[in-house]
C-alpha atoms as a PDB file:
ATOM      1  CA  UNK A   1     118.876 163.461 159.442  1.00  0.00           C
ATOM      2  CA  UNK A   2     119.415 159.995 158.014  1.00  0.00           C
ATOM      3  CA  UNK A   3     116.674 157.864 156.452  1.00  0.00           C
ATOM      4  CA  UNK A   4     117.608 154.182 156.437  1.00  0.00           C
ATOM      5  CA  UNK A   5     116.100 150.701 156.577  1.00  0.00           C
ATOM      6  CA  UNK A   6     114.891 149.698 160.016  1.00  0.00           C
ATOM      7  CA  UNK A   7     117.124 147.299 161.962  1.00  0.00           C
ATOM      8  CA  UNK A   8     116.120 145.021 164.816  1.00  0.00           C
ATOM      9  CA  UNK A   9     117.965 147.274 167.271  1.00  0.00           C
ATOM     10  CA  UNK A  10     115.673 150.160 166.199  1.00  0.00           C
ATOM     11  CA  UNK A  11     112.535 148.326 167.262  1.00  0.00           C
ATOM     12  CA  UNK A  12     112.483 149.480 170.920  1.00  0.00           C
ATOM     13  CA  UNK A  13     112.464 153.106 169.700  1.00  0.00           C
ATOM     14  CA  UNK A  14     109.795 152.278 167.093  1.00  0.00           C
ATOM     15  CA  UNK A  15     107.771 150.629 169.857  1.00  0.00           C
ATOM     16  CA  UNK A  16     107.925 153.789 171.994  1.00  0.00           C
ATOM     17  CA  UNK A  17     106.872 156.007 169.061  1.00  0.00           C
ATOM     18  CA  UNK A  18     104.006 153.748 168.035  1.00  0.00           C
ATOM     19  CA  UNK A  19     102.763 153.198 171.584  1.00  0.00           C
ATOM     20  CA  UNK A  20     102.870 156.933 172.312  1.00  0.00           C
ATOM     21  CA  UNK A  21     100.641 157.461 169.271  1.00  0.00           C
ATOM     22  CA  UNK A  22      98.294 154.711 170.472  1.00  0.00           C
ATOM     23  CA  UNK A  23      98.132 156.056 174.031  1.00  0.00           C
ATOM     24  CA  UNK A  24      97.921 159.787 173.377  1.00  0.00           C
ATOM     25  CA  UNK A  25      96.044 160.299 170.101  1.00  0.00           C
ATOM     26  CA  UNK A  26      93.084 159.352 167.956  1.00  0.00           C
ATOM     27  CA  UNK A  27      95.418 159.020 164.941  1.00  0.00           C
ATOM     28  CA  UNK A  28      95.109 155.255 165.209  1.00  0.00           C
ATOM     29  CA  UNK A  29      91.943 153.514 166.304  1.00  0.00           C
ATOM     30  CA  UNK A  30      93.693 150.671 168.110  1.00  0.00           C
ATOM     31  CA  UNK A  31      94.209 150.690 171.853  1.00  0.00           C
ATOM     32  CA  UNK A  32      96.423 147.593 171.790  1.00  0.00           C
ATOM     33  CA  UNK A  33     100.096 148.288 172.466  1.00  0.00           C
ATOM     34  CA  UNK A  34     102.810 147.145 170.089  1.00  0.00           C
ATOM     35  CA  UNK A  35     105.178 144.546 171.525  1.00  0.00           C
ATOM     36  CA  UNK A  36     108.783 143.910 170.559  1.00  0.00           C
ATOM     37  CA  UNK A  37     107.806 140.395 169.492  1.00  0.00           C
ATOM     38  CA  UNK A  38     105.038 141.735 167.274  1.00  0.00           C
ATOM     39  CA  UNK A  39     107.275 144.427 165.761  1.00  0.00           C
ATOM     40  CA  UNK A  40     110.011 141.857 165.096  1.00  0.00           C
ATOM     41  CA  UNK A  41     107.479 139.690 163.277  1.00  0.00           C
ATOM     42  CA  UNK A  42     106.251 142.718 161.312  1.00  0.00           C
ATOM     43  CA  UNK A  43     109.785 143.716 160.313  1.00  0.00           C
ATOM     44  CA  UNK A  44     110.582 140.146 159.248  1.00  0.00           C
ATOM     45  CA  UNK A  45     107.335 139.876 157.263  1.00  0.00           C
ATOM     46  CA  UNK A  46     107.938 143.194 155.501  1.00  0.00           C
ATOM     47  CA  UNK A  47     111.481 142.153 154.574  1.00  0.00           C
ATOM     48  CA  UNK A  48     110.326 138.736 153.326  1.00  0.00           C
ATOM     49  CA  UNK A  49     107.671 140.376 151.136  1.00  0.00           C
ATOM     50  CA  UNK A  50     110.106 142.979 149.788  1.00  0.00           C
ATOM     51  CA  UNK A  51     108.180 145.811 151.450  1.00  0.00           C
ATOM     52  CA  UNK A  52     109.946 148.747 153.045  1.00  0.00           C
ATOM     53  CA  UNK A  53     110.337 149.627 156.703  1.00  0.00           C
ATOM     54  CA  UNK A  54     112.365 152.801 157.233  1.00  0.00           C
ATOM     55  CA  UNK A  55     113.452 154.900 160.177  1.00  0.00           C
ATOM     56  CA  UNK A  56     114.528 158.511 160.418  1.00  0.00           C
ATOM     57  CA  UNK A  57     117.552 159.050 162.600  1.00  0.00           C
ATOM     58  CA  UNK A  58     117.973 162.569 163.981  1.00  0.00           C
ATOM     59  CA  UNK A  59     120.942 163.391 166.194  1.00  0.00           C
ATOM     60  CA  UNK A  60     121.621 159.677 166.637  1.00  0.00           C
ATOM     61  CA  UNK A  61     118.083 158.778 167.767  1.00  0.00           C
ATOM     62  CA  UNK A  62     115.197 157.152 165.918  1.00  0.00           C
ATOM     63  CA  UNK A  63     112.727 160.015 165.529  1.00  0.00           C
ATOM     64  CA  UNK A  64     110.231 158.423 163.163  1.00  0.00           C
ATOM     65  CA  UNK A  65     109.372 155.454 160.983  1.00  0.00           C
ATOM     66  CA  UNK A  66     107.426 154.645 157.843  1.00  0.00           C
ATOM     67  CA  UNK A  67     106.480 151.227 156.545  1.00  0.00           C
ATOM     68  CA  UNK A  68     104.115 149.712 154.020  1.00  0.00           C
ATOM     69  CA  UNK A  69     102.395 146.429 153.325  1.00  0.00           C
ATOM     70  CA  UNK A  70      99.790 145.018 151.003  1.00  0.00           C
ATOM     71  CA  UNK A  71      96.464 146.885 151.169  1.00  0.00           C
ATOM     72  CA  UNK A  72      94.372 143.692 151.189  1.00  0.00           C
ATOM     73  CA  UNK A  73      95.166 140.011 150.838  1.00  0.00           C
ATOM     74  CA  UNK A  74      95.249 138.161 147.549  1.00  0.00           C
ATOM     75  CA  UNK A  75      97.083 138.368 144.244  1.00  0.00           C
ATOM     76  CA  UNK A  76      94.824 141.079 142.834  1.00  0.00           C
ATOM     77  CA  UNK A  77      96.143 143.553 145.425  1.00  0.00           C
ATOM     78  CA  UNK A  78      99.833 142.687 145.022  1.00  0.00           C
ATOM     79  CA  UNK A  79     100.682 146.159 143.668  1.00  0.00           C
ATOM     80  CA  UNK A  80      98.466 148.163 146.018  1.00  0.00           C
ATOM     81  CA  UNK A  81      99.962 149.079 149.399  1.00  0.00           C
ATOM     82  CA  UNK A  82      98.951 150.900 152.561  1.00  0.00           C
ATOM     83  CA  UNK A  83     101.465 152.691 154.736  1.00  0.00           C
ATOM     84  CA  UNK A  84     101.962 153.756 158.330  1.00  0.00           C
ATOM     85  CA  UNK A  85     104.084 156.686 159.461  1.00  0.00           C
ATOM     86  CA  UNK A  86     104.826 158.044 162.904  1.00  0.00           C
ATOM     87  CA  UNK A  87     107.093 160.825 164.127  1.00  0.00           C
ATOM     88  CA  UNK A  88     108.223 162.046 167.511  1.00  0.00           C
ATOM     89  CA  UNK A  89     106.692 165.391 168.442  1.00  0.00           C
ATOM     90  CA  UNK A  90     110.186 166.917 168.527  1.00  0.00           C
ATOM     91  CA  UNK A  91     110.680 166.559 164.754  1.00  0.00           C
ATOM     92  CA  UNK A  92     107.222 167.408 163.424  1.00  0.00           C
ATOM     93  CA  UNK A  93     107.328 170.214 160.881  1.00  0.00           C
ATOM     94  CA  UNK A  94     111.046 169.760 160.162  1.00  0.00           C
ATOM     95  CA  UNK A  95     110.778 167.737 156.927  1.00  0.00           C
ATOM     96  CA  UNK A  96     111.396 164.361 158.559  1.00  0.00           C
ATOM     97  CA  UNK A  97     107.995 162.993 157.532  1.00  0.00           C
ATOM     98  CA  UNK A  98     108.466 164.176 153.944  1.00  0.00           C
ATOM     99  CA  UNK A  99     111.880 162.517 153.805  1.00  0.00           C
ATOM    100  CA  UNK A 100     110.550 159.231 155.205  1.00  0.00           C
ATOM    101  CA  UNK A 101     107.631 159.224 152.785  1.00  0.00           C
ATOM    102  CA  UNK A 102     109.881 160.050 149.839  1.00  0.00           C
ATOM    103  CA  UNK A 103     112.233 157.144 150.525  1.00  0.00           C
ATOM    104  CA  UNK A 104     109.368 154.775 151.268  1.00  0.00           C
ATOM    105  CA  UNK A 105     107.498 155.724 148.087  1.00  0.00           C
ATOM    106  CA  UNK A 106     110.688 155.435 145.990  1.00  0.00           C
ATOM    107  CA  UNK A 107     111.299 151.951 147.412  1.00  0.00           C
ATOM    108  CA  UNK A 108     107.712 150.964 146.647  1.00  0.00           C
ATOM    109  CA  UNK A 109     107.859 152.320 143.086  1.00  0.00           C
ATOM    110  CA  UNK A 110     111.049 150.374 142.337  1.00  0.00           C
ATOM    111  CA  UNK A 111     109.349 147.257 143.753  1.00  0.00           C
ATOM    112  CA  UNK A 112     106.502 147.671 141.247  1.00  0.00           C
ATOM    113  CA  UNK A 113     103.876 149.171 143.535  1.00  0.00           C
ATOM    114  CA  UNK A 114     101.178 150.934 141.542  1.00  0.00           C
ATOM    115  CA  UNK A 115      99.383 152.843 144.284  1.00  0.00           C
ATOM    116  CA  UNK A 116      99.953 153.742 147.915  1.00  0.00           C
ATOM    117  CA  UNK A 117      97.057 154.281 150.297  1.00  0.00           C
ATOM    118  CA  UNK A 118      96.722 156.175 153.539  1.00  0.00           C
ATOM    119  CA  UNK A 119      93.939 155.607 156.018  1.00  0.00           C
ATOM    120  CA  UNK A 120      93.722 158.885 157.945  1.00  0.00           C
ATOM    121  CA  UNK A 121      91.651 159.329 161.080  1.00  0.00           C
ATOM    122  CA  UNK A 122      88.961 161.978 160.914  1.00  0.00           C
ATOM    123  CA  UNK A 123      90.483 163.272 164.156  1.00  0.00           C
ATOM    124  CA  UNK A 124      93.755 163.971 162.317  1.00  0.00           C
ATOM    125  CA  UNK A 125      93.238 166.932 159.940  1.00  0.00           C
ATOM    126  CA  UNK A 126      96.995 167.602 159.991  1.00  0.00           C
ATOM    127  CA  UNK A 127      97.505 164.071 158.629  1.00  0.00           C
ATOM    128  CA  UNK A 128      95.104 164.760 155.754  1.00  0.00           C
ATOM    129  CA  UNK A 129      96.910 168.029 154.983  1.00  0.00           C
ATOM    130  CA  UNK A 130     100.313 166.298 155.146  1.00  0.00           C
ATOM    131  CA  UNK A 131      99.264 163.606 152.690  1.00  0.00           C
ATOM    132  CA  UNK A 132      97.578 166.100 150.361  1.00  0.00           C
ATOM    133  CA  UNK A 133     100.804 168.125 150.257  1.00  0.00           C
ATOM    134  CA  UNK A 134     102.602 164.944 149.146  1.00  0.00           C
ATOM    135  CA  UNK A 135     100.175 164.358 146.274  1.00  0.00           C
ATOM    136  CA  UNK A 136      97.647 162.033 147.896  1.00  0.00           C
ATOM    137  CA  UNK A 137      94.035 162.469 146.797  1.00  0.00           C
ATOM    138  CA  UNK A 138      91.053 161.978 149.056  1.00  0.00           C
ATOM    139  CA  UNK A 139      89.080 159.096 147.601  1.00  0.00           C
ATOM    140  CA  UNK A 140      86.472 158.359 150.264  1.00  0.00           C
ATOM    141  CA  UNK A 141      85.475 158.982 153.832  1.00  0.00           C
ATOM    142  CA  UNK A 142      84.087 156.014 155.706  1.00  0.00           C
ATOM    143  CA  UNK A 143      81.875 157.437 158.452  1.00  0.00           C
ATOM    144  CA  UNK A 144      82.088 156.096 161.984  1.00  0.00           C
ATOM    145  CA  UNK A 145      84.171 152.985 161.199  1.00  0.00           C
ATOM    146  CA  UNK A 146      86.638 153.484 164.060  1.00  0.00           C
ATOM    147  CA  UNK A 147      85.926 153.503 167.755  1.00  0.00           C
ATOM    148  CA  UNK A 148      88.265 154.694 170.481  1.00  0.00           C
ATOM    149  CA  UNK A 149      87.871 156.383 173.851  1.00  0.00           C
ATOM    150  CA  UNK A 150      84.092 156.127 173.674  1.00  0.00           C
ATOM    151  CA  UNK A 151      83.684 157.909 170.355  1.00  0.00           C
ATOM    152  CA  UNK A 152      83.050 156.922 166.753  1.00  0.00           C
ATOM    153  CA  UNK A 153      85.624 158.149 164.227  1.00  0.00           C
ATOM    154  CA  UNK A 154      85.629 158.593 160.465  1.00  0.00           C
ATOM    155  CA  UNK A 155      88.387 157.209 158.245  1.00  0.00           C
ATOM    156  CA  UNK A 156      89.512 159.118 155.158  1.00  0.00           C
ATOM    157  CA  UNK A 157      91.115 156.994 152.443  1.00  0.00           C
ATOM    158  CA  UNK A 158      93.746 158.801 150.381  1.00  0.00           C
ATOM    159  CA  UNK A 159      95.630 157.459 147.353  1.00  0.00           C
ATOM    160  CA  UNK A 160      98.803 158.319 145.496  1.00  0.00           C
ATOM    161  CA  UNK A 161      99.517 156.585 142.193  1.00  0.00           C
ATOM    162  CA  UNK A 162     103.210 155.707 141.963  1.00  0.00           C
ATOM    163  CA  UNK A 163     103.260 154.181 138.466  1.00  0.00           C
ATOM    164  CA  UNK A 164     101.362 154.862 135.242  1.00  0.00           C
ATOM    165  CA  UNK A 165      98.063 153.062 134.880  1.00  0.00           C
ATOM    166  CA  UNK A 166      98.002 149.925 132.775  1.00  0.00           C
ATOM    167  CA  UNK A 167      96.445 150.198 129.320  1.00  0.00           C
ATOM    168  CA  UNK A 168      92.885 148.963 129.157  1.00  0.00           C
ATOM    169  CA  UNK A 169      91.482 147.142 126.237  1.00  0.00           C
END
């Protein structure tokens, strides 16, 4: 397994992974497919902002990705990020997600990110367990904020602090 920065030539594989998640699961609330144009713009925006976009290569194929961007707009959120991660079914449970998250979090910490957030679908208890095992704390559950396939879904917000808190006073 190799974890490395995403390249433009990886985007078709990222598109397949992301669209499979959109089509087959309630992990994400969106039903809109990712396009190569949109993913290219996302990759370019993440690079320009100094934010990470990583892929996991297993046996020569892209088997997962992790990326992060600013949690909300504005200067006050410049050191607070939210991430996305997706893996192929073939590599789940093999440490690929942990490796992607580790490299992504290390990149973010070096870039001065204070905290990383995960928005985990209430229909994804394995995602909550995964993040908890990596040190993320459940902060809040927002009831029925997502809607997909005719059902309302909760969103659990989880946080991991990557740098010491600033002194108050």
